[in-house]
Structure formats: structure tokens, C-alpha cells
Amino acid sequence: MKPPRHSAPLGTAFVDTLIVKEMEQAITKIVEVYLKSARGKDALGDKQFQKLVKCQLGNIMTGTESNEAIKEMRQGLDANQDKNISFTEYMTLVGYLANALSQQRTIGQETAPAEEQEAAP
């Protein structure tokens, strides 16, 4: 005997489509920011990378006001040591930031219920 099939709740396909579109938009924006910052070149030079970090990442990263900190970050990302940041190297930074943000939000969700219980009378 086969187990009964469960149908998805109404609207699930619509929600899935919205999530896909959000992901598509996010990925497209990541690529657009890189290409705009690179100004048609294959990689970001020092000045382009500094401007991208200061203008685009200042709210989620610390140290973006320091040219020296950004230079050290660029050197750490520059896997082939060509003094430029390729798209692949840029994606290393994006991945690191996405992972850090995910961990931060996960930890925030785990501690929120405990804090709410402590605050309850």
C-alpha cells in the first residue's frame, strides 16, 4: 500500500517563485556592483576596491574608514598576488560576509528567547 500523497498548501509555488526572484535579484546586484566598480576591467585595482568597500560595505563591516585596513583586506583576498581583486576573489569576500551575517543572525535568534524569558516577570 502506498502512503497518501500530501499536497502543498496553496500559495507555496507563489512563495517559492518570490524567493527565487529575491535570490536572482541579490546575485544580479552582487555582479552589477562588481562590474560597475571594475569599470569594464577584468579586476578591481586598489582604488576601485577601496571605493567599493567604503561605499557599499560600510554598514556591515568595521574598519572601512581606514585605508590601511582596506589595503590589508585586499592583500588577504588577492590569492594570486597580482595586486588586483578578480571576481572570484571578490566572491570570497562576499561569501565571508554572508557567512558572518548568517552566524550573527543565527546566534541572535538562539539568544532572543532566553533573553525574553529572563525579562518576563
C-alpha atoms as a PDB file:
ATOM      1  CA  MET A   1       0.000   0.000   0.000  1.00  0.00           C
ATOM      2  CA  LYS A   2       1.326   3.440  -0.974  1.00  0.00           C
ATOM      3  CA  PRO A   3       1.457   6.228   1.603  1.00  0.00           C
ATOM      4  CA  PRO A   4      -1.018   9.060   0.967  1.00  0.00           C
ATOM      5  CA  ARG A   5       0.270  11.976  -1.096  1.00  0.00           C
ATOM      6  CA  HIS A   6       0.280  15.289   0.639  1.00  0.00           C
ATOM      7  CA  SER A   7      -0.409  18.301  -1.485  1.00  0.00           C
ATOM      8  CA  ALA A   8       1.439  21.524  -0.909  1.00  0.00           C
ATOM      9  CA  PRO A   9      -0.533  24.345   0.716  1.00  0.00           C
ATOM     10  CA  LEU A  10      -1.993  26.887  -1.661  1.00  0.00           C
ATOM     11  CA  GLY A  11       0.414  29.644  -2.428  1.00  0.00           C
ATOM     12  CA  THR A  12       3.610  27.629  -1.907  1.00  0.00           C
ATOM     13  CA  ALA A  13       4.536  27.865  -5.584  1.00  0.00           C
ATOM     14  CA  PHE A  14       3.972  31.609  -5.437  1.00  0.00           C
ATOM     15  CA  VAL A  15       6.182  31.941  -2.344  1.00  0.00           C
ATOM     16  CA  ASP A  16       8.867  29.750  -3.950  1.00  0.00           C
ATOM     17  CA  THR A  17       8.782  31.999  -7.030  1.00  0.00           C
ATOM     18  CA  LEU A  18       9.211  35.088  -4.859  1.00  0.00           C
ATOM     19  CA  ILE A  19      12.198  33.544  -3.085  1.00  0.00           C
ATOM     20  CA  VAL A  20      13.808  32.642  -6.404  1.00  0.00           C
ATOM     21  CA  LYS A  21      13.298  36.159  -7.665  1.00  0.00           C
ATOM     22  CA  GLU A  22      14.825  37.596  -4.496  1.00  0.00           C
ATOM     23  CA  MET A  23      17.844  35.316  -4.949  1.00  0.00           C
ATOM     24  CA  GLU A  24      18.129  36.254  -8.611  1.00  0.00           C
ATOM     25  CA  GLN A  25      17.986  39.940  -7.706  1.00  0.00           C
ATOM     26  CA  ALA A  26      20.604  39.547  -4.981  1.00  0.00           C
ATOM     27  CA  ILE A  27      23.008  37.655  -7.248  1.00  0.00           C
ATOM     28  CA  THR A  28      22.449  40.110 -10.084  1.00  0.00           C
ATOM     29  CA  LYS A  29      23.153  43.036  -7.744  1.00  0.00           C
ATOM     30  CA  ILE A  30      26.395  41.448  -6.486  1.00  0.00           C
ATOM     31  CA  VAL A  31      27.586  41.074 -10.093  1.00  0.00           C
ATOM     32  CA  GLU A  32      26.439  44.577 -11.081  1.00  0.00           C
ATOM     33  CA  VAL A  33      28.272  46.201  -8.148  1.00  0.00           C
ATOM     34  CA  TYR A  34      31.490  44.395  -9.077  1.00  0.00           C
ATOM     35  CA  LEU A  35      31.250  45.256 -12.779  1.00  0.00           C
ATOM     36  CA  LYS A  36      30.398  48.895 -12.080  1.00  0.00           C
ATOM     37  CA  SER A  37      33.289  49.165  -9.625  1.00  0.00           C
ATOM     38  CA  ALA A  38      35.723  47.496 -12.048  1.00  0.00           C
ATOM     39  CA  ARG A  39      34.721  49.970 -14.799  1.00  0.00           C
ATOM     40  CA  GLY A  40      34.897  47.408 -17.581  1.00  0.00           C
ATOM     41  CA  LYS A  41      38.210  45.911 -16.480  1.00  0.00           C
ATOM     42  CA  ASP A  42      38.828  42.289 -15.525  1.00  0.00           C
ATOM     43  CA  ALA A  43      39.614  43.112 -11.903  1.00  0.00           C
ATOM     44  CA  LEU A  44      39.417  45.783  -9.233  1.00  0.00           C
ATOM     45  CA  GLY A  45      42.531  47.829  -8.663  1.00  0.00           C
ATOM     46  CA  ASP A  46      43.438  49.295  -5.279  1.00  0.00           C
ATOM     47  CA  LYS A  47      41.384  52.486  -5.655  1.00  0.00           C
ATOM     48  CA  GLN A  48      38.341  50.696  -7.075  1.00  0.00           C
ATOM     49  CA  PHE A  49      38.416  48.129  -4.259  1.00  0.00           C
ATOM     50  CA  GLN A  50      38.744  50.835  -1.594  1.00  0.00           C
ATOM     51  CA  LYS A  51      35.818  52.757  -3.054  1.00  0.00           C
ATOM     52  CA  LEU A  52      33.656  49.604  -3.271  1.00  0.00           C
ATOM     53  CA  VAL A  53      34.358  48.675   0.357  1.00  0.00           C
ATOM     54  CA  LYS A  54      33.812  52.197   1.684  1.00  0.00           C
ATOM     55  CA  CYS A  55      30.655  52.908  -0.335  1.00  0.00           C
ATOM     56  CA  GLN A  56      28.985  49.510  -0.392  1.00  0.00           C
ATOM     57  CA  LEU A  57      30.082  47.691   2.759  1.00  0.00           C
ATOM     58  CA  GLY A  58      30.498  50.392   5.410  1.00  0.00           C
ATOM     59  CA  ASN A  59      27.355  49.382   7.267  1.00  0.00           C
ATOM     60  CA  ILE A  60      28.186  45.686   7.692  1.00  0.00           C
ATOM     61  CA  MET A  61      31.960  45.831   8.094  1.00  0.00           C
ATOM     62  CA  THR A  62      34.171  47.510  10.631  1.00  0.00           C
ATOM     63  CA  GLY A  63      37.368  49.256   9.618  1.00  0.00           C
ATOM     64  CA  THR A  64      36.042  50.571   6.307  1.00  0.00           C
ATOM     65  CA  GLU A  65      37.073  54.110   7.220  1.00  0.00           C
ATOM     66  CA  SER A  66      40.734  53.042   7.347  1.00  0.00           C
ATOM     67  CA  ASN A  67      42.593  52.921   4.035  1.00  0.00           C
ATOM     68  CA  GLU A  68      45.247  50.757   5.700  1.00  0.00           C
ATOM     69  CA  ALA A  69      42.667  48.215   6.918  1.00  0.00           C
ATOM     70  CA  ILE A  70      41.135  48.031   3.434  1.00  0.00           C
ATOM     71  CA  LYS A  71      44.600  47.594   1.906  1.00  0.00           C
ATOM     72  CA  GLU A  72      45.308  44.691   4.279  1.00  0.00           C
ATOM     73  CA  MET A  73      41.947  43.156   3.403  1.00  0.00           C
ATOM     74  CA  ARG A  74      42.724  43.459  -0.313  1.00  0.00           C
ATOM     75  CA  GLN A  75      46.089  41.801   0.185  1.00  0.00           C
ATOM     76  CA  GLY A  76      44.444  38.952   2.074  1.00  0.00           C
ATOM     77  CA  LEU A  77      41.886  38.425  -0.698  1.00  0.00           C
ATOM     78  CA  ASP A  78      44.442  38.660  -3.517  1.00  0.00           C
ATOM     79  CA  ALA A  79      45.103  34.926  -3.869  1.00  0.00           C
ATOM     80  CA  ASN A  80      47.387  35.240  -6.911  1.00  0.00           C
ATOM     81  CA  GLN A  81      49.161  38.340  -5.546  1.00  0.00           C
ATOM     82  CA  ASP A  82      48.620  40.384  -8.722  1.00  0.00           C
ATOM     83  CA  LYS A  83      47.561  43.445  -6.662  1.00  0.00           C
ATOM     84  CA  ASN A  84      44.052  43.267  -8.150  1.00  0.00           C
ATOM     85  CA  ILE A  85      40.828  41.693  -6.947  1.00  0.00           C
ATOM     86  CA  SER A  86      39.307  39.351  -9.519  1.00  0.00           C
ATOM     87  CA  PHE A  87      35.629  38.462  -9.466  1.00  0.00           C
ATOM     88  CA  THR A  88      36.477  35.130  -7.812  1.00  0.00           C
ATOM     89  CA  GLU A  89      38.471  36.902  -5.101  1.00  0.00           C
ATOM     90  CA  TYR A  90      35.607  39.391  -4.643  1.00  0.00           C
ATOM     91  CA  MET A  91      33.224  36.467  -4.198  1.00  0.00           C
ATOM     92  CA  THR A  92      35.465  35.204  -1.386  1.00  0.00           C
ATOM     93  CA  LEU A  93      34.738  38.464   0.425  1.00  0.00           C
ATOM     94  CA  VAL A  94      31.007  38.250  -0.340  1.00  0.00           C
ATOM     95  CA  GLY A  95      30.921  34.665   0.925  1.00  0.00           C
ATOM     96  CA  TYR A  96      32.768  35.586   4.098  1.00  0.00           C
ATOM     97  CA  LEU A  97      30.388  38.481   4.791  1.00  0.00           C
ATOM     98  CA  ALA A  98      27.300  36.382   4.043  1.00  0.00           C
ATOM     99  CA  ASN A  99      28.541  33.646   6.375  1.00  0.00           C
ATOM    100  CA  ALA A 100      29.336  36.127   9.153  1.00  0.00           C
ATOM    101  CA  LEU A 101      25.920  37.767   8.803  1.00  0.00           C
ATOM    102  CA  SER A 102      24.192  34.372   8.866  1.00  0.00           C
ATOM    103  CA  GLN A 103      26.057  33.339  12.005  1.00  0.00           C
ATOM    104  CA  GLN A 104      25.295  36.656  13.662  1.00  0.00           C
ATOM    105  CA  ARG A 105      21.574  36.336  12.942  1.00  0.00           C
ATOM    106  CA  THR A 106      21.506  32.667  13.985  1.00  0.00           C
ATOM    107  CA  ILE A 107      23.162  33.481  17.309  1.00  0.00           C
ATOM    108  CA  GLY A 108      20.730  36.382  17.746  1.00  0.00           C
ATOM    109  CA  GLN A 109      17.768  34.057  17.227  1.00  0.00           C
ATOM    110  CA  GLU A 110      19.156  31.482  19.659  1.00  0.00           C
ATOM    111  CA  THR A 111      19.696  34.033  22.437  1.00  0.00           C
ATOM    112  CA  ALA A 112      16.482  36.027  21.910  1.00  0.00           C
ATOM    113  CA  PRO A 113      14.095  33.519  23.573  1.00  0.00           C
ATOM    114  CA  ALA A 114      16.395  33.165  26.593  1.00  0.00           C
ATOM    115  CA  GLU A 115      16.575  36.953  26.981  1.00  0.00           C
ATOM    116  CA  GLU A 116      12.789  37.217  26.705  1.00  0.00           C
ATOM    117  CA  GLN A 117      12.344  34.595  29.458  1.00  0.00           C
ATOM    118  CA  GLU A 118      14.774  36.418  31.744  1.00  0.00           C
ATOM    119  CA  ALA A 119      12.894  39.693  31.205  1.00  0.00           C
ATOM    120  CA  ALA A 120       9.498  38.134  31.978  1.00  0.00           C
ATOM    121  CA  PRO A 121       8.087  38.970  35.453  1.00  0.00           C
END
